[in-house]
Protein backbone atom coordinates (compact mmCIF):
# COMPACT_ATOMS: atom_id res chain seq x y z
CA MET A 1 20.80 -38.70 36.05
CA LYS A 2 21.81 -35.58 34.12
CA ARG A 3 22.97 -37.69 31.18
CA SER A 4 19.64 -39.54 31.12
CA LEU A 5 17.69 -36.28 31.20
CA LEU A 6 19.81 -34.88 28.38
CA PHE A 7 19.19 -38.00 26.31
CA ILE A 8 15.44 -37.74 26.84
CA LEU A 9 15.42 -34.05 25.86
CA MET A 10 17.42 -34.79 22.70
CA PHE A 11 15.02 -37.62 21.83
CA LEU A 12 11.96 -35.38 22.29
CA PHE A 13 13.56 -32.63 20.26
CA SER A 14 14.24 -35.04 17.40
CA MET A 15 10.59 -36.10 17.43
CA PHE A 16 8.95 -32.70 17.81
CA GLY A 17 11.44 -30.37 16.21
CA VAL A 18 10.56 -26.72 15.67
CA THR A 19 10.68 -26.99 11.90
CA LYS A 20 7.46 -27.71 10.05
CA PHE A 21 9.11 -29.25 7.05
CA VAL A 22 10.92 -32.61 7.06
CA TYR A 23 13.99 -32.55 4.90
CA ALA A 24 15.00 -35.72 3.11
CA ASP A 25 18.46 -36.81 2.13
CA THR A 26 19.60 -34.00 -0.16
CA ASP A 27 22.19 -36.34 -1.68
CA LYS A 28 19.32 -37.82 -3.68
CA CYS A 29 18.64 -34.42 -5.26
CA THR A 30 20.61 -34.64 -8.46
CA ALA A 31 21.70 -31.62 -10.44
CA GLU A 32 19.22 -32.62 -13.13
CA MET A 33 16.37 -32.70 -10.59
CA LYS A 34 17.30 -29.31 -9.17
CA SER A 35 17.49 -27.83 -12.63
CA GLY A 36 14.01 -29.18 -13.38
CA PHE A 37 12.65 -27.72 -10.15
CA LEU A 38 14.10 -24.31 -10.90
CA LYS A 39 12.61 -24.32 -14.36
CA SER A 40 9.16 -25.26 -13.05
CA VAL A 41 9.07 -22.31 -10.61
CA SER A 42 10.68 -19.73 -12.89
CA SER A 43 7.39 -17.84 -13.21
CA ALA A 44 6.41 -18.12 -9.53
CA THR A 45 5.78 -14.70 -7.96
CA ALA A 46 4.34 -13.19 -4.80
CA SER A 47 2.73 -9.83 -4.04
CA TYR A 48 0.21 -8.09 -1.81
CA GLU A 49 -3.08 -6.45 -2.69
CA PHE A 50 -5.50 -4.33 -0.69
CA VAL A 51 -8.68 -5.81 0.73
CA TYR A 52 -11.61 -3.39 1.10
CA ASP A 53 -14.65 -3.37 3.35
CA ASP A 54 -18.20 -2.58 2.23
CA ALA A 55 -17.53 1.15 2.65
CA GLY A 56 -14.58 1.02 0.26
CA LYS A 57 -11.95 1.44 2.98
CA VAL A 58 -8.85 -0.73 3.23
CA LYS A 59 -9.30 -3.33 5.97
CA GLY A 60 -6.28 -5.54 5.27
CA PHE A 61 -4.06 -7.24 2.71
CA ASN A 62 -3.99 -10.45 0.74
CA ILE A 63 -0.49 -11.91 0.46
CA THR A 64 -0.68 -14.07 -2.66
CA VAL A 65 1.65 -16.46 -4.47
CA TYR A 66 1.16 -17.27 -8.14
CA ASN A 67 2.23 -19.95 -10.62
CA ILE A 68 3.08 -22.64 -8.08
CA PRO A 69 3.47 -26.13 -9.63
CA ASP A 70 1.39 -29.01 -8.24
CA ASP A 71 4.47 -30.81 -6.93
CA MET A 72 5.55 -27.87 -4.77
CA ASN A 73 4.82 -26.85 -1.18
CA VAL A 74 4.87 -23.23 0.04
CA LEU A 75 5.86 -22.11 3.53
CA TYR A 76 5.99 -18.55 4.81
CA SER A 77 7.41 -16.83 7.86
CA VAL A 78 7.55 -13.37 9.41
CA LYS A 79 10.43 -12.69 11.76
CA ASP A 80 9.76 -9.21 13.04
CA LYS A 81 10.54 -7.77 16.48
CA LYS A 82 6.84 -7.67 17.33
CA PHE A 83 5.37 -10.29 15.00
CA LYS A 84 6.29 -13.94 14.56
CA LYS A 85 4.49 -16.02 11.97
CA ASP A 86 5.30 -19.41 10.54
CA ASP A 87 2.86 -21.47 8.48
CA SER A 88 2.09 -22.96 5.09
CA ILE A 89 0.04 -21.54 2.23
CA LYS A 90 -2.65 -23.73 0.74
CA ILE A 91 -2.23 -23.88 -3.02
CA GLU A 92 -5.11 -24.39 -5.44
CA ASN A 93 -4.72 -24.15 -9.20
CA GLY A 94 -1.23 -22.71 -8.78
CA LYS A 95 -2.36 -19.90 -6.46
CA GLY A 96 -2.44 -19.43 -2.70
CA THR A 97 -3.47 -16.51 -0.47
CA ILE A 98 -3.23 -15.56 3.20
CA TYR A 99 -4.99 -12.60 4.79
CA ASP A 100 -3.31 -9.99 7.01
CA ASP A 101 -5.39 -7.31 8.78
CA ASN A 102 -2.46 -5.33 10.20
CA LEU A 103 -2.54 -1.73 8.89
CA THR A 104 -0.07 -0.15 11.30
CA ASP A 105 3.21 -2.03 10.85
CA ILE A 106 5.72 -2.81 8.12
CA TYR A 107 7.22 -6.29 7.97
CA THR A 108 8.47 -8.77 5.40
CA TYR A 109 6.98 -12.10 4.41
CA SER A 110 9.65 -14.68 3.54
CA ILE A 111 8.07 -17.24 1.23
CA ASP A 112 9.89 -20.50 0.44
CA ILE A 113 8.89 -22.95 -2.26
CA PHE A 114 9.85 -26.60 -1.70
CA SER A 115 9.66 -29.62 -3.94
CA LEU A 116 7.47 -32.49 -2.75
CA THR A 117 9.44 -35.10 -4.63
CA GLU A 118 10.06 -38.10 -2.38
CA GLY A 119 13.64 -38.21 -1.21
CA CYS A 120 14.30 -34.65 -2.35
CA ASN A 121 12.47 -32.06 -0.27
CA TYR A 122 14.53 -29.27 -1.74
CA LYS A 123 14.01 -25.52 -1.24
CA VAL A 124 13.75 -24.41 -4.81
CA LYS A 125 12.97 -20.70 -4.60
CA SER A 126 12.54 -17.92 -2.06
CA LEU A 127 10.33 -14.86 -2.46
CA LYS A 128 9.91 -11.70 -0.40
CA VAL A 129 6.84 -9.50 0.09
CA VAL A 130 7.05 -6.32 2.14
CA LYS A 131 3.67 -5.55 3.70
CA PRO A 132 3.05 -1.78 3.89
CA LYS A 133 1.38 0.28 6.57
CA ARG A 134 -0.79 3.40 6.51
CA ASN A 135 1.23 6.61 6.70
CA ILE A 136 -0.32 8.94 9.28
CA TYR A 137 1.58 11.91 7.84
CA SER A 138 -0.28 11.62 4.53
CA GLU A 139 -3.21 13.43 6.17
CA LEU A 140 -1.18 16.57 6.95
CA VAL A 141 -2.50 19.76 5.37
CA TYR A 142 0.78 20.24 3.48
CA CYS A 143 0.12 17.00 1.60
CA SER A 144 -3.00 18.53 -0.01
CA TYR A 145 -0.78 20.67 -2.26
CA ASP A 146 0.03 19.43 -5.74
CA GLU A 147 3.69 20.25 -5.13
CA ASN A 148 3.89 17.61 -2.39
CA ALA A 149 1.72 14.97 -4.01
CA LYS A 150 4.71 12.78 -4.95
CA SER A 151 6.57 13.23 -1.68
CA THR A 152 7.29 10.04 0.25
CA TYR A 153 5.91 11.72 3.35
CA CYS A 154 2.53 12.19 1.64
CA GLN A 155 1.97 8.64 0.36
CA GLU A 156 -0.92 6.92 2.11
CA TRP A 157 0.86 3.53 2.15
CA ILE A 158 4.58 3.11 2.76
CA THR A 159 6.98 0.15 2.90
CA ARG A 160 9.79 2.01 4.67
CA GLU A 161 9.61 3.62 8.09
CA ILE A 162 9.73 7.41 8.32
CA ASN A 163 12.20 8.13 11.10
CA LYS A 164 11.02 11.69 11.68
CA ASP A 165 8.42 13.17 13.98
CA GLN A 166 5.48 15.21 12.73
CA LYS A 167 7.16 18.57 13.29
CA GLU A 168 10.18 17.55 11.19
CA VAL A 169 7.97 16.26 8.39
CA GLU A 170 5.90 19.44 8.38
CA GLU A 171 9.03 21.57 8.13
CA LEU A 172 10.34 19.53 5.18
CA LEU A 173 7.01 19.74 3.34
CA LYS A 174 6.78 23.46 4.05
CA LYS A 175 10.28 24.03 2.63
CA SER A 176 9.27 22.06 -0.45
CA LEU A 177 6.33 24.42 -0.94
CA ASN A 178 8.50 27.50 -0.50
CA LYS A 179 10.79 26.25 -3.28
CA THR A 180 8.01 25.61 -5.77
CA THR A 181 5.38 28.26 -5.10
CA THR A 182 5.31 31.48 -7.13
CA THR A 183 4.59 35.04 -6.03
CA SER A 184 0.86 34.39 -6.25
CA ALA A 185 -0.84 33.35 -3.04
CA THR A 186 -1.16 29.65 -2.35
CA SER A 187 -4.44 27.96 -1.63
CA LYS A 188 -3.44 27.49 1.98
CA CYS A 189 -1.51 29.76 4.29
CA VAL A 190 1.50 27.59 5.15
CA ASP A 191 2.70 30.10 7.74
CA CYS A 192 -0.59 30.25 9.59
CA GLY A 193 -0.47 26.81 11.17
CA ILE A 194 -2.35 23.64 10.45
CA GLY A 195 -6.02 24.13 9.73
CA THR A 196 -5.87 27.86 8.85
CA ILE A 197 -6.73 28.35 5.17
CA SER A 198 -6.70 31.50 3.08
CA TYR A 199 -7.88 31.32 -0.48
CA SER A 200 -6.67 33.56 -3.30
CA LEU A 201 -8.93 34.59 -6.19
CA LYS A 202 -7.17 32.12 -8.42
CA ASP A 203 -7.72 29.23 -6.03
CA ILE A 204 -11.30 30.25 -5.30
CA TYR A 205 -11.95 30.08 -9.04
CA LYS A 206 -10.21 26.71 -9.25
CA LYS A 207 -12.30 25.29 -6.41
CA TYR A 208 -15.63 26.82 -7.44
CA LYS A 209 -15.05 27.03 -11.19
CA TYR A 210 -18.26 25.36 -12.29
CA THR A 211 -20.37 27.25 -9.77
CA ILE A 212 -18.90 30.56 -10.96
CA ILE A 213 -19.44 29.67 -14.64
CA ILE A 214 -23.07 28.68 -14.05
CA ALA A 215 -23.70 31.80 -11.97
CA THR A 216 -22.13 34.00 -14.66
CA VAL A 217 -24.21 32.44 -17.43
CA LEU A 218 -27.41 32.81 -15.40
CA SER A 219 -26.54 36.45 -14.64
CA LEU A 220 -26.04 37.18 -18.35
CA VAL A 221 -29.34 35.52 -19.18
CA LEU A 222 -31.14 37.56 -16.54
CA VAL A 223 -29.51 40.80 -17.75
CA LEU A 224 -30.46 40.06 -21.36
CA LEU A 225 -34.00 39.16 -20.29
CA ALA A 226 -34.33 42.39 -18.30
CA MET A 227 -33.04 44.44 -21.24
CA ALA A 228 -35.53 42.75 -23.55
CA LEU A 229 -38.41 43.47 -21.17
CA LEU A 230 -37.36 47.12 -20.83
CA TYR A 231 -37.08 47.46 -24.59
CA ARG A 232 -40.53 45.99 -25.17
CA SER A 233 -42.00 48.14 -22.41
CA GLY A 234 -40.50 51.32 -23.88
CA LYS A 235 -41.67 50.44 -27.33
CA GLY A 236 -45.21 49.89 -26.11
CA GLY A 237 -45.25 53.36 -24.49
CA ASP A 238 -44.36 55.04 -27.79
CA LEU A 239 -47.42 53.55 -29.44
């Protein structure tokens, strides 16, 4: 009975295997054929791009493959601890796209390109695309300083996890400011805690430069106008 059950399970497995792609006899794939396949996909690439909503905010990503020959099939998979994906990408005019709306996790798309030549379903090329996630630390007040603009901790989108908590990141960004700031006051009081801001004259001018310039010009015009009126009034009295 056990042997019969095992035979049935093996038969079902052979019919409905977990793989989505049926591999043919690779002995029929000659070196010349493989060389031709490789040449035909030499310019094949894959990348991600942001997808925006009507308000201009990122709502997801397009994972796109380019320069795929007509005689090729494209499969992709994601083997992450939390996410499992396995499907094909429809190709039209050498290009295929899938949409991903996940903004909170980093994982890698493995993209395999197969030949569709009968008798030689050969995996010709593999591509990788790392999907980024939004970095919550990029909104920290310390990231508003020019000195920290290029810091990894201040990038809005990241493709590597930051294995530090908020307090650690804040301390690192604060130290970075202390190394680069001069004796003049900074635009924000880094020792006063998040959200407390103290502006120096220099930074007030930087922030309100155009307002100050316009106000100064108008003040000069008013002063000159008042002087002219006083002059004319005095001159009229002498007559």
